[in-house]
Amino acid sequence: MTDARLPAYLEVQGMIRAVESAGGFATVISKGERDAGTILILTSERGGNARFWERMPQLDGSRKFTCVREQDTENTQQFSDYLDRRKAQDPDSWLVELEIANPERFIAAATN
């Protein structure tokens, strides 16, 4: 069975262009392995409501982006520590930040 997944760098570029064309801001915080790196997404709206997304296996065998952590406004350091630990676990991963209203629509588009 052949993996039909897009190279990571192309998927990241497409996500950034889609967010920017919708009036948002997107940036690569850290680059990962060009073709097969895992993509991790950090989203926020107006600098708040930060959430961390990564692809998780589903029962049907697909892998869709799932919110795995939300920032606690009372303890922002805990969220930052989690991001640092996750990145250290997989140094070949990409970390992309999306700053836009309703970031779920871009997450859903990236999953398909």
PDB file of N, CA and C in Angstrom:
ATOM      1  N   MET A   1       0.843  -1.193   0.000  1.00  0.00           N
ATOM      2  CA  MET A   1       0.000   0.000   0.000  1.00  0.00           C
ATOM      3  C   MET A   1       0.883   1.248   0.000  1.00  0.00           C
ATOM      4  N   THR A   2       0.619   2.183  -0.866  1.00  0.00           N
ATOM      5  CA  THR A   2       1.393   3.399  -0.987  1.00  0.00           C
ATOM      6  C   THR A   2       0.758   4.509  -0.165  1.00  0.00           C
ATOM      7  N   ASP A   3       1.601   5.255   0.521  1.00  0.00           N
ATOM      8  CA  ASP A   3       1.122   6.393   1.302  1.00  0.00           C
ATOM      9  C   ASP A   3       0.919   7.569   0.355  1.00  0.00           C
ATOM     10  N   ALA A   4      -0.315   8.057   0.232  1.00  0.00           N
ATOM     11  CA  ALA A   4      -0.643   9.133  -0.701  1.00  0.00           C
ATOM     12  C   ALA A   4      -0.549  10.506  -0.044  1.00  0.00           C
ATOM     13  N   ARG A   5       0.095  10.578   1.088  1.00  0.00           N
ATOM     14  CA  ARG A   5       0.200  11.822   1.832  1.00  0.00           C
ATOM     15  C   ARG A   5       1.085  12.834   1.086  1.00  0.00           C
ATOM     16  N   LEU A   6       0.683  14.081   1.118  1.00  0.00           N
ATOM     17  CA  LEU A   6       1.495  15.159   0.552  1.00  0.00           C
ATOM     18  C   LEU A   6       2.777  15.308   1.363  1.00  0.00           C
ATOM     19  N   PRO A   7       3.853  15.746   0.736  1.00  0.00           N
ATOM     20  CA  PRO A   7       5.045  16.066   1.522  1.00  0.00           C
ATOM     21  C   PRO A   7       4.700  17.148   2.552  1.00  0.00           C
ATOM     22  N   ALA A   8       5.290  17.055   3.708  1.00  0.00           N
ATOM     23  CA  ALA A   8       4.962  17.967   4.811  1.00  0.00           C
ATOM     24  C   ALA A   8       5.128  19.436   4.411  1.00  0.00           C
ATOM     25  N   TYR A   9       6.205  19.755   3.719  1.00  0.00           N
ATOM     26  CA  TYR A   9       6.435  21.157   3.386  1.00  0.00           C
ATOM     27  C   TYR A   9       5.335  21.715   2.482  1.00  0.00           C
ATOM     28  N   LEU A  10       4.801  20.898   1.573  1.00  0.00           N
ATOM     29  CA  LEU A  10       3.711  21.370   0.700  1.00  0.00           C
ATOM     30  C   LEU A  10       2.425  21.572   1.490  1.00  0.00           C
ATOM     31  N   GLU A  11       2.154  20.651   2.388  1.00  0.00           N
ATOM     32  CA  GLU A  11       0.947  20.796   3.215  1.00  0.00           C
ATOM     33  C   GLU A  11       1.028  22.047   4.087  1.00  0.00           C
ATOM     34  N   VAL A  12       2.194  22.304   4.651  1.00  0.00           N
ATOM     35  CA  VAL A  12       2.383  23.500   5.476  1.00  0.00           C
ATOM     36  C   VAL A  12       2.233  24.760   4.627  1.00  0.00           C
ATOM     37  N   GLN A  13       2.852  24.798   3.453  1.00  0.00           N
ATOM     38  CA  GLN A  13       2.733  25.963   2.574  1.00  0.00           C
ATOM     39  C   GLN A  13       1.282  26.236   2.201  1.00  0.00           C
ATOM     40  N   GLY A  14       0.538  25.177   1.886  1.00  0.00           N
ATOM     41  CA  GLY A  14      -0.870  25.339   1.522  1.00  0.00           C
ATOM     42  C   GLY A  14      -1.697  25.886   2.676  1.00  0.00           C
ATOM     43  N   MET A  15      -1.429  25.387   3.875  1.00  0.00           N
ATOM     44  CA  MET A  15      -2.149  25.854   5.055  1.00  0.00           C
ATOM     45  C   MET A  15      -1.862  27.332   5.315  1.00  0.00           C
ATOM     46  N   ILE A  16      -0.600  27.725   5.199  1.00  0.00           N
ATOM     47  CA  ILE A  16      -0.212  29.122   5.421  1.00  0.00           C
ATOM     48  C   ILE A  16      -0.888  30.029   4.391  1.00  0.00           C
ATOM     49  N   ARG A  17      -0.866  29.637   3.141  1.00  0.00           N
ATOM     50  CA  ARG A  17      -1.505  30.461   2.091  1.00  0.00           C
ATOM     51  C   ARG A  17      -3.006  30.589   2.307  1.00  0.00           C
ATOM     52  N   ALA A  18      -3.655  29.505   2.707  1.00  0.00           N
ATOM     53  CA  ALA A  18      -5.098  29.554   2.936  1.00  0.00           C
ATOM     54  C   ALA A  18      -5.437  30.502   4.080  1.00  0.00           C
ATOM     55  N   VAL A  19      -4.670  30.433   5.160  1.00  0.00           N
ATOM     56  CA  VAL A  19      -4.922  31.307   6.310  1.00  0.00           C
ATOM     57  C   VAL A  19      -4.668  32.768   5.933  1.00  0.00           C
ATOM     58  N   GLU A  20      -3.560  33.023   5.254  1.00  0.00           N
ATOM     59  CA  GLU A  20      -3.245  34.404   4.867  1.00  0.00           C
ATOM     60  C   GLU A  20      -4.252  34.966   3.870  1.00  0.00           C
ATOM     61  N   SER A  21      -4.741  34.143   2.954  1.00  0.00           N
ATOM     62  CA  SER A  21      -5.721  34.638   1.983  1.00  0.00           C
ATOM     63  C   SER A  21      -7.064  34.930   2.647  1.00  0.00           C
ATOM     64  N   ALA A  22      -7.302  34.354   3.818  1.00  0.00           N
ATOM     65  CA  ALA A  22      -8.528  34.621   4.569  1.00  0.00           C
ATOM     66  C   ALA A  22      -8.337  35.755   5.571  1.00  0.00           C
ATOM     67  N   GLY A  23      -7.177  36.432   5.517  1.00  0.00           N
ATOM     68  CA  GLY A  23      -6.944  37.592   6.366  1.00  0.00           C
ATOM     69  C   GLY A  23      -6.271  37.274   7.692  1.00  0.00           C
ATOM     70  N   GLY A  24      -5.802  36.062   7.867  1.00  0.00           N
ATOM     71  CA  GLY A  24      -5.137  35.684   9.104  1.00  0.00           C
ATOM     72  C   GLY A  24      -3.633  35.731   8.964  1.00  0.00           C
ATOM     73  N   PHE A  25      -2.977  35.271   9.998  1.00  0.00           N
ATOM     74  CA  PHE A  25      -1.520  35.221  10.030  1.00  0.00           C
ATOM     75  C   PHE A  25      -1.100  33.785  10.302  1.00  0.00           C
ATOM     76  N   ALA A  26      -0.092  33.319   9.593  1.00  0.00           N
ATOM     77  CA  ALA A  26       0.418  31.970   9.805  1.00  0.00           C
ATOM     78  C   ALA A  26       1.929  31.994   9.667  1.00  0.00           C
ATOM     79  N   THR A  27       2.594  31.202  10.485  1.00  0.00           N
ATOM     80  CA  THR A  27       4.041  31.138  10.427  1.00  0.00           C
ATOM     81  C   THR A  27       4.539  29.768  10.863  1.00  0.00           C
ATOM     82  N   VAL A  28       5.698  29.418  10.369  1.00  0.00           N
ATOM     83  CA  VAL A  28       6.353  28.188  10.789  1.00  0.00           C
ATOM     84  C   VAL A  28       7.235  28.537  11.979  1.00  0.00           C
ATOM     85  N   ILE A  29       6.938  27.955  13.118  1.00  0.00           N
ATOM     86  CA  ILE A  29       7.747  28.187  14.315  1.00  0.00           C
ATOM     87  C   ILE A  29       9.011  27.338  14.246  1.00  0.00           C
ATOM     88  N   SER A  30       8.855  26.095  13.804  1.00  0.00           N
ATOM     89  CA  SER A  30      10.040  25.253  13.595  1.00  0.00           C
ATOM     90  C   SER A  30       9.791  24.307  12.432  1.00  0.00           C
ATOM     91  N   LYS A  31      10.810  24.194  11.586  1.00  0.00           N
ATOM     92  CA  LYS A  31      10.721  23.315  10.425  1.00  0.00           C
ATOM     93  C   LYS A  31      11.111  21.906  10.823  1.00  0.00           C
ATOM     94  N   GLY A  32      10.414  20.960  10.218  1.00  0.00           N
ATOM     95  CA  GLY A  32      10.714  19.564  10.450  1.00  0.00           C
ATOM     96  C   GLY A  32      11.272  18.911   9.206  1.00  0.00           C
ATOM     97  N   GLU A  33      11.186  17.609   9.165  1.00  0.00           N
ATOM     98  CA  GLU A  33      11.657  16.842   8.014  1.00  0.00           C
ATOM     99  C   GLU A  33      10.828  17.241   6.799  1.00  0.00           C
ATOM    100  N   ARG A  34      11.477  17.578   5.723  1.00  0.00           N
ATOM    101  CA  ARG A  34      10.829  18.162   4.535  1.00  0.00           C
ATOM    102  C   ARG A  34       9.671  17.342   3.981  1.00  0.00           C
ATOM    103  N   ASP A  35       9.835  16.045   3.865  1.00  0.00           N
ATOM    104  CA  ASP A  35       8.801  15.234   3.228  1.00  0.00           C
ATOM    105  C   ASP A  35       7.882  14.502   4.201  1.00  0.00           C
ATOM    106  N   ALA A  36       8.444  13.918   5.238  1.00  0.00           N
ATOM    107  CA  ALA A  36       7.646  13.034   6.095  1.00  0.00           C
ATOM    108  C   ALA A  36       7.489  13.534   7.529  1.00  0.00           C
ATOM    109  N   GLY A  37       7.855  14.788   7.801  1.00  0.00           N
ATOM    110  CA  GLY A  37       7.744  15.299   9.162  1.00  0.00           C
ATOM    111  C   GLY A  37       6.295  15.386   9.629  1.00  0.00           C
ATOM    112  N   THR A  38       6.105  15.136  10.893  1.00  0.00           N
ATOM    113  CA  THR A  38       4.792  15.292  11.518  1.00  0.00           C
ATOM    114  C   THR A  38       4.466  16.781  11.587  1.00  0.00           C
ATOM    115  N   ILE A  39       3.206  17.126  11.350  1.00  0.00           N
ATOM    116  CA  ILE A  39       2.790  18.526  11.417  1.00  0.00           C
ATOM    117  C   ILE A  39       2.004  18.734  12.699  1.00  0.00           C
ATOM    118  N   LEU A  40       2.477  19.668  13.513  1.00  0.00           N
ATOM    119  CA  LEU A  40       1.817  20.065  14.748  1.00  0.00           C
ATOM    120  C   LEU A  40       1.329  21.496  14.543  1.00  0.00           C
ATOM    121  N   ILE A  41       0.121  21.791  15.002  1.00  0.00           N
ATOM    122  CA  ILE A  41      -0.457  23.109  14.755  1.00  0.00           C
ATOM    123  C   ILE A  41      -0.828  23.774  16.075  1.00  0.00           C
ATOM    124  N   LEU A  42      -0.444  25.025  16.184  1.00  0.00           N
ATOM    125  CA  LEU A  42      -0.809  25.867  17.307  1.00  0.00           C
ATOM    126  C   LEU A  42      -1.767  26.914  16.769  1.00  0.00           C
ATOM    127  N   THR A  43      -2.960  27.006  17.329  1.00  0.00           N
ATOM    128  CA  THR A  43      -3.921  28.003  16.853  1.00  0.00           C
ATOM    129  C   THR A  43      -4.251  28.977  17.975  1.00  0.00           C
ATOM    130  N   SER A  44      -4.592  30.190  17.568  1.00  0.00           N
ATOM    131  CA  SER A  44      -5.072  31.182  18.522  1.00  0.00           C
ATOM    132  C   SER A  44      -5.972  32.163  17.784  1.00  0.00           C
ATOM    133  N   GLU A  45      -6.765  32.856  18.573  1.00  0.00           N
ATOM    134  CA  GLU A  45      -7.654  33.884  18.035  1.00  0.00           C
ATOM    135  C   GLU A  45      -7.398  35.164  18.809  1.00  0.00           C
ATOM    136  N   ARG A  46      -6.897  36.174  18.093  1.00  0.00           N
ATOM    137  CA  ARG A  46      -6.565  37.464  18.709  1.00  0.00           C
ATOM    138  C   ARG A  46      -5.612  37.297  19.891  1.00  0.00           C
ATOM    139  N   GLY A  47      -4.653  36.413  19.727  1.00  0.00           N
ATOM    140  CA  GLY A  47      -3.641  36.224  20.753  1.00  0.00           C
ATOM    141  C   GLY A  47      -4.070  35.389  21.942  1.00  0.00           C
ATOM    142  N   GLY A  48      -5.303  34.929  21.958  1.00  0.00           N
ATOM    143  CA  GLY A  48      -5.800  34.131  23.079  1.00  0.00           C
ATOM    144  C   GLY A  48      -6.403  32.830  22.597  1.00  0.00           C
ATOM    145  N   ASN A  49      -6.971  32.097  23.512  1.00  0.00           N
ATOM    146  CA  ASN A  49      -7.637  30.836  23.198  1.00  0.00           C
ATOM    147  C   ASN A  49      -6.706  29.890  22.439  1.00  0.00           C
ATOM    148  N   ALA A  50      -5.467  29.762  22.922  1.00  0.00           N
ATOM    149  CA  ALA A  50      -4.468  28.927  22.247  1.00  0.00           C
ATOM    150  C   ALA A  50      -4.819  27.451  22.391  1.00  0.00           C
ATOM    151  N   ARG A  51      -4.687  26.742  21.277  1.00  0.00           N
ATOM    152  CA  ARG A  51      -4.929  25.295  21.260  1.00  0.00           C
ATOM    153  C   ARG A  51      -3.848  24.619  20.434  1.00  0.00           C
ATOM    154  N   PHE A  52      -3.567  23.368  20.796  1.00  0.00           N
ATOM    155  CA  PHE A  52      -2.529  22.589  20.141  1.00  0.00           C
ATOM    156  C   PHE A  52      -3.173  21.380  19.492  1.00  0.00           C
ATOM    157  N   TRP A  53      -2.883  21.182  18.203  1.00  0.00           N
ATOM    158  CA  TRP A  53      -3.506  20.132  17.400  1.00  0.00           C
ATOM    159  C   TRP A  53      -2.441  19.197  16.831  1.00  0.00           C
ATOM    160  N   GLU A  54      -2.753  17.922  16.778  1.00  0.00           N
ATOM    161  CA  GLU A  54      -1.923  16.984  16.031  1.00  0.00           C
ATOM    162  C   GLU A  54      -2.791  15.878  15.480  1.00  0.00           C
ATOM    163  N   ARG A  55      -2.259  15.223  14.458  1.00  0.00           N
ATOM    164  CA  ARG A  55      -3.017  14.138  13.822  1.00  0.00           C
ATOM    165  C   ARG A  55      -3.035  12.932  14.735  1.00  0.00           C
ATOM    166  N   MET A  56      -4.224  12.388  14.921  1.00  0.00           N
ATOM    167  CA  MET A  56      -4.396  11.215  15.766  1.00  0.00           C
ATOM    168  C   MET A  56      -5.088  10.130  14.955  1.00  0.00           C
ATOM    169  N   PRO A  57      -4.691   8.874  15.153  1.00  0.00           N
ATOM    170  CA  PRO A  57      -5.344   7.771  14.433  1.00  0.00           C
ATOM    171  C   PRO A  57      -6.817   7.656  14.828  1.00  0.00           C
ATOM    172  N   GLN A  58      -7.655   7.375  13.833  1.00  0.00           N
ATOM    173  CA  GLN A  58      -9.087   7.207  14.055  1.00  0.00           C
ATOM    174  C   GLN A  58      -9.450   5.725  13.874  1.00  0.00           C
ATOM    175  N   LEU A  59     -10.620   5.353  14.330  1.00  0.00           N
ATOM    176  CA  LEU A  59     -11.060   3.963  14.224  1.00  0.00           C
ATOM    177  C   LEU A  59     -11.130   3.465  12.788  1.00  0.00           C
ATOM    178  N   ASP A  60     -11.420   4.377  11.845  1.00  0.00           N
ATOM    179  CA  ASP A  60     -11.525   3.971  10.440  1.00  0.00           C
ATOM    180  C   ASP A  60     -10.168   3.900   9.737  1.00  0.00           C
ATOM    181  N   GLY A  61      -9.084   4.119  10.487  1.00  0.00           N
ATOM    182  CA  GLY A  61      -7.747   4.051   9.913  1.00  0.00           C
ATOM    183  C   GLY A  61      -7.218   5.390   9.428  1.00  0.00           C
ATOM    184  N   SER A  62      -8.061   6.395   9.365  1.00  0.00           N
ATOM    185  CA  SER A  62      -7.609   7.721   8.939  1.00  0.00           C
ATOM    186  C   SER A  62      -6.878   8.405  10.104  1.00  0.00           C
ATOM    187  N   ARG A  63      -6.278   9.533   9.796  1.00  0.00           N
ATOM    188  CA  ARG A  63      -5.588  10.324  10.813  1.00  0.00           C
ATOM    189  C   ARG A  63      -6.069  11.757  10.662  1.00  0.00           C
ATOM    190  N   LYS A  64      -6.806  12.250  11.640  1.00  0.00           N
ATOM    191  CA  LYS A  64      -7.307  13.614  11.538  1.00  0.00           C
ATOM    192  C   LYS A  64      -6.751  14.467  12.667  1.00  0.00           C
ATOM    193  N   PHE A  65      -6.682  15.764  12.401  1.00  0.00           N
ATOM    194  CA  PHE A  65      -6.191  16.676  13.424  1.00  0.00           C
ATOM    195  C   PHE A  65      -7.188  16.725  14.574  1.00  0.00           C
ATOM    196  N   THR A  66      -6.642  16.607  15.770  1.00  0.00           N
ATOM    197  CA  THR A  66      -7.439  16.614  16.989  1.00  0.00           C
ATOM    198  C   THR A  66      -6.796  17.595  17.962  1.00  0.00           C
ATOM    199  N   CYS A  67      -7.629  18.366  18.652  1.00  0.00           N
ATOM    200  CA  CYS A  67      -7.106  19.273  19.673  1.00  0.00           C
ATOM    201  C   CYS A  67      -6.688  18.425  20.873  1.00  0.00           C
ATOM    202  N   VAL A  68      -5.399  18.461  21.196  1.00  0.00           N
ATOM    203  CA  VAL A  68      -4.885  17.636  22.283  1.00  0.00           C
ATOM    204  C   VAL A  68      -4.575  18.447  23.538  1.00  0.00           C
ATOM    205  N   ARG A  69      -4.571  19.775  23.413  1.00  0.00           N
ATOM    206  CA  ARG A  69      -4.281  20.601  24.584  1.00  0.00           C
ATOM    207  C   ARG A  69      -4.824  21.995  24.368  1.00  0.00           C
ATOM    208  N   GLU A  70      -5.412  22.571  25.428  1.00  0.00           N
ATOM    209  CA  GLU A  70      -5.865  23.961  25.400  1.00  0.00           C
ATOM    210  C   GLU A  70      -5.130  24.723  26.479  1.00  0.00           C
ATOM    211  N   GLN A  71      -4.807  25.970  26.188  1.00  0.00           N
ATOM    212  CA  GLN A  71      -4.068  26.776  27.144  1.00  0.00           C
ATOM    213  C   GLN A  71      -4.961  27.219  28.287  1.00  0.00           C
ATOM    214  N   ASP A  72      -4.492  27.028  29.494  1.00  0.00           N
ATOM    215  CA  ASP A  72      -5.172  27.513  30.694  1.00  0.00           C
ATOM    216  C   ASP A  72      -4.698  28.951  30.902  1.00  0.00           C
ATOM    217  N   THR A  73      -5.614  29.906  30.869  1.00  0.00           N
ATOM    218  CA  THR A  73      -5.228  31.309  30.988  1.00  0.00           C
ATOM    219  C   THR A  73      -4.604  31.615  32.351  1.00  0.00           C
ATOM    220  N   GLU A  74      -4.862  30.772  33.332  1.00  0.00           N
ATOM    221  CA  GLU A  74      -4.286  30.963  34.663  1.00  0.00           C
ATOM    222  C   GLU A  74      -2.868  30.409  34.750  1.00  0.00           C
ATOM    223  N   ASN A  75      -2.505  29.491  33.846  1.00  0.00           N
ATOM    224  CA  ASN A  75      -1.184  28.862  33.891  1.00  0.00           C
ATOM    225  C   ASN A  75      -0.663  28.669  32.472  1.00  0.00           C
ATOM    226  N   THR A  76      -0.232  29.751  31.850  1.00  0.00           N
ATOM    227  CA  THR A  76       0.235  29.690  30.465  1.00  0.00           C
ATOM    228  C   THR A  76       1.560  28.946  30.337  1.00  0.00           C
ATOM    229  N   GLN A  77       2.350  28.933  31.405  1.00  0.00           N
ATOM    230  CA  GLN A  77       3.640  28.245  31.366  1.00  0.00           C
ATOM    231  C   GLN A  77       3.459  26.746  31.160  1.00  0.00           C
ATOM    232  N   GLN A  78       2.415  26.181  31.737  1.00  0.00           N
ATOM    233  CA  GLN A  78       2.142  24.745  31.591  1.00  0.00           C
ATOM    234  C   GLN A  78       1.941  24.394  30.108  1.00  0.00           C
ATOM    235  N   PHE A  79       1.241  25.230  29.379  1.00  0.00           N
ATOM    236  CA  PHE A  79       1.005  25.025  27.947  1.00  0.00           C
ATOM    237  C   PHE A  79       2.326  25.107  27.177  1.00  0.00           C
ATOM    238  N   SER A  80       3.127  26.113  27.473  1.00  0.00           N
ATOM    239  CA  SER A  80       4.430  26.270  26.817  1.00  0.00           C
ATOM    240  C   SER A  80       5.337  25.076  27.100  1.00  0.00           C
ATOM    241  N   ASP A  81       5.325  24.604  28.335  1.00  0.00           N
ATOM    242  CA  ASP A  81       6.136  23.434  28.694  1.00  0.00           C
ATOM    243  C   ASP A  81       5.702  22.209  27.905  1.00  0.00           C
ATOM    244  N   TYR A  82       4.390  22.042  27.731  1.00  0.00           N
ATOM    245  CA  TYR A  82       3.877  20.906  26.962  1.00  0.00           C
ATOM    246  C   TYR A  82       4.366  20.979  25.511  1.00  0.00           C
ATOM    247  N   LEU A  83       4.297  22.162  24.903  1.00  0.00           N
ATOM    248  CA  LEU A  83       4.759  22.332  23.522  1.00  0.00           C
ATOM    249  C   LEU A  83       6.247  21.986  23.402  1.00  0.00           C
ATOM    250  N   ASP A  84       7.032  22.439  24.361  1.00  0.00           N
ATOM    251  CA  ASP A  84       8.469  22.143  24.344  1.00  0.00           C
ATOM    252  C   ASP A  84       8.729  20.645  24.461  1.00  0.00           C
ATOM    253  N   ARG A  85       8.016  19.975  25.361  1.00  0.00           N
ATOM    254  CA  ARG A  85       8.190  18.524  25.527  1.00  0.00           C
ATOM    255  C   ARG A  85       7.779  17.774  24.268  1.00  0.00           C
ATOM    256  N   ARG A  86       6.669  18.180  23.669  1.00  0.00           N
ATOM    257  CA  ARG A  86       6.175  17.499  22.467  1.00  0.00           C
ATOM    258  C   ARG A  86       7.148  17.667  21.316  1.00  0.00           C
ATOM    259  N   LYS A  87       7.675  18.849  21.146  1.00  0.00           N
ATOM    260  CA  LYS A  87       8.646  19.097  20.080  1.00  0.00           C
ATOM    261  C   LYS A  87       9.922  18.287  20.330  1.00  0.00           C
ATOM    262  N   ALA A  88      10.356  18.172  21.570  1.00  0.00           N
ATOM    263  CA  ALA A  88      11.557  17.400  21.903  1.00  0.00           C
ATOM    264  C   ALA A  88      11.357  15.911  21.613  1.00  0.00           C
ATOM    265  N   GLN A  89      10.118  15.422  21.736  1.00  0.00           N
ATOM    266  CA  GLN A  89       9.819  14.015  21.461  1.00  0.00           C
ATOM    267  C   GLN A  89       9.997  13.682  19.987  1.00  0.00           C
ATOM    268  N   ASP A  90       9.771  14.646  19.122  1.00  0.00           N
ATOM    269  CA  ASP A  90       9.840  14.411  17.682  1.00  0.00           C
ATOM    270  C   ASP A  90      10.537  15.595  17.012  1.00  0.00           C
ATOM    271  N   PRO A  91      11.881  15.612  17.024  1.00  0.00           N
ATOM    272  CA  PRO A  91      12.599  16.764  16.467  1.00  0.00           C
ATOM    273  C   PRO A  91      12.405  16.941  14.961  1.00  0.00           C
ATOM    274  N   ASP A  92      11.859  15.939  14.269  1.00  0.00           N
ATOM    275  CA  ASP A  92      11.590  16.057  12.833  1.00  0.00           C
ATOM    276  C   ASP A  92      10.226  16.673  12.534  1.00  0.00           C
ATOM    277  N   SER A  93       9.500  17.094  13.576  1.00  0.00           N
ATOM    278  CA  SER A  93       8.152  17.619  13.367  1.00  0.00           C
ATOM    279  C   SER A  93       8.187  19.112  13.037  1.00  0.00           C
ATOM    280  N   TRP A  94       7.146  19.538  12.342  1.00  0.00           N
ATOM    281  CA  TRP A  94       6.916  20.939  12.016  1.00  0.00           C
ATOM    282  C   TRP A  94       5.988  21.513  13.082  1.00  0.00           C
ATOM    283  N   LEU A  95       6.224  22.740  13.505  1.00  0.00           N
ATOM    284  CA  LEU A  95       5.292  23.437  14.382  1.00  0.00           C
ATOM    285  C   LEU A  95       4.850  24.694  13.652  1.00  0.00           C
ATOM    286  N   VAL A  96       3.562  24.756  13.352  1.00  0.00           N
ATOM    287  CA  VAL A  96       2.985  25.846  12.565  1.00  0.00           C
ATOM    288  C   VAL A  96       1.978  26.578  13.434  1.00  0.00           C
ATOM    289  N   GLU A  97       2.046  27.900  13.433  1.00  0.00           N
ATOM    290  CA  GLU A  97       1.096  28.702  14.198  1.00  0.00           C
ATOM    291  C   GLU A  97       0.119  29.387  13.249  1.00  0.00           C
ATOM    292  N   LEU A  98      -1.166  29.267  13.561  1.00  0.00           N
ATOM    293  CA  LEU A  98      -2.230  29.916  12.788  1.00  0.00           C
ATOM    294  C   LEU A  98      -2.957  30.885  13.706  1.00  0.00           C
ATOM    295  N   GLU A  99      -2.999  32.132  13.326  1.00  0.00           N
ATOM    296  CA  GLU A  99      -3.706  33.168  14.087  1.00  0.00           C
ATOM    297  C   GLU A  99      -4.839  33.667  13.213  1.00  0.00           C
ATOM    298  N   ILE A 100      -6.044  33.166  13.504  1.00  0.00           N
ATOM    299  CA  ILE A 100      -7.200  33.511  12.674  1.00  0.00           C
ATOM    300  C   ILE A 100      -8.481  33.149  13.419  1.00  0.00           C
ATOM    301  N   ALA A 101      -9.562  33.862  13.125  1.00  0.00           N
ATOM    302  CA  ALA A 101     -10.856  33.518  13.696  1.00  0.00           C
ATOM    303  C   ALA A 101     -11.311  32.169  13.144  1.00  0.00           C
ATOM    304  N   ASN A 102     -11.922  31.378  13.975  1.00  0.00           N
ATOM    305  CA  ASN A 102     -12.443  30.063  13.598  1.00  0.00           C
ATOM    306  C   ASN A 102     -11.377  29.187  12.924  1.00  0.00           C
ATOM    307  N   PRO A 103     -10.288  28.923  13.618  1.00  0.00           N
ATOM    308  CA  PRO A 103      -9.213  28.135  13.004  1.00  0.00           C
ATOM    309  C   PRO A 103      -9.617  26.695  12.674  1.00  0.00           C
ATOM    310  N   GLU A 104     -10.701  26.221  13.265  1.00  0.00           N
ATOM    311  CA  GLU A 104     -11.145  24.850  13.007  1.00  0.00           C
ATOM    312  C   GLU A 104     -11.416  24.594  11.531  1.00  0.00           C
ATOM    313  N   ARG A 105     -11.848  25.613  10.789  1.00  0.00           N
ATOM    314  CA  ARG A 105     -12.137  25.413   9.367  1.00  0.00           C
ATOM    315  C   ARG A 105     -10.871  25.087   8.589  1.00  0.00           C
ATOM    316  N   PHE A 106      -9.729  25.628   9.006  1.00  0.00           N
ATOM    317  CA  PHE A 106      -8.461  25.331   8.342  1.00  0.00           C
ATOM    318  C   PHE A 106      -7.929  23.978   8.785  1.00  0.00           C
ATOM    319  N   ILE A 107      -8.187  23.643  10.030  1.00  0.00           N
ATOM    320  CA  ILE A 107      -7.799  22.327  10.533  1.00  0.00           C
ATOM    321  C   ILE A 107      -8.580  21.255   9.776  1.00  0.00           C
ATOM    322  N   ALA A 108      -9.877  21.469   9.606  1.00  0.00           N
ATOM    323  CA  ALA A 108     -10.717  20.506   8.892  1.00  0.00           C
ATOM    324  C   ALA A 108     -10.273  20.367   7.436  1.00  0.00           C
ATOM    325  N   ALA A 109      -9.911  21.471   6.806  1.00  0.00           N
ATOM    326  CA  ALA A 109      -9.464  21.423   5.416  1.00  0.00           C
ATOM    327  C   ALA A 109      -8.146  20.655   5.293  1.00  0.00           C
ATOM    328  N   ALA A 110      -7.286  20.795   6.282  1.00  0.00           N
ATOM    329  CA  ALA A 110      -5.990  20.098   6.254  1.00  0.00           C
ATOM    330  C   ALA A 110      -6.157  18.603   6.504  1.00  0.00           C
ATOM    331  N   THR A 111      -7.224  18.225   7.151  1.00  0.00           N
ATOM    332  CA  THR A 111      -7.463  16.817   7.456  1.00  0.00           C
ATOM    333  C   THR A 111      -7.911  16.068   6.226  1.00  0.00           C
ATOM    334  N   ASN A 112      -8.633  16.721   5.334  1.00  0.00           N
ATOM    335  CA  ASN A 112      -9.180  16.054   4.150  1.00  0.00           C
ATOM    336  C   ASN A 112      -8.151  15.851   3.076  1.00  0.00           C
TER     337      ASN A 112
END
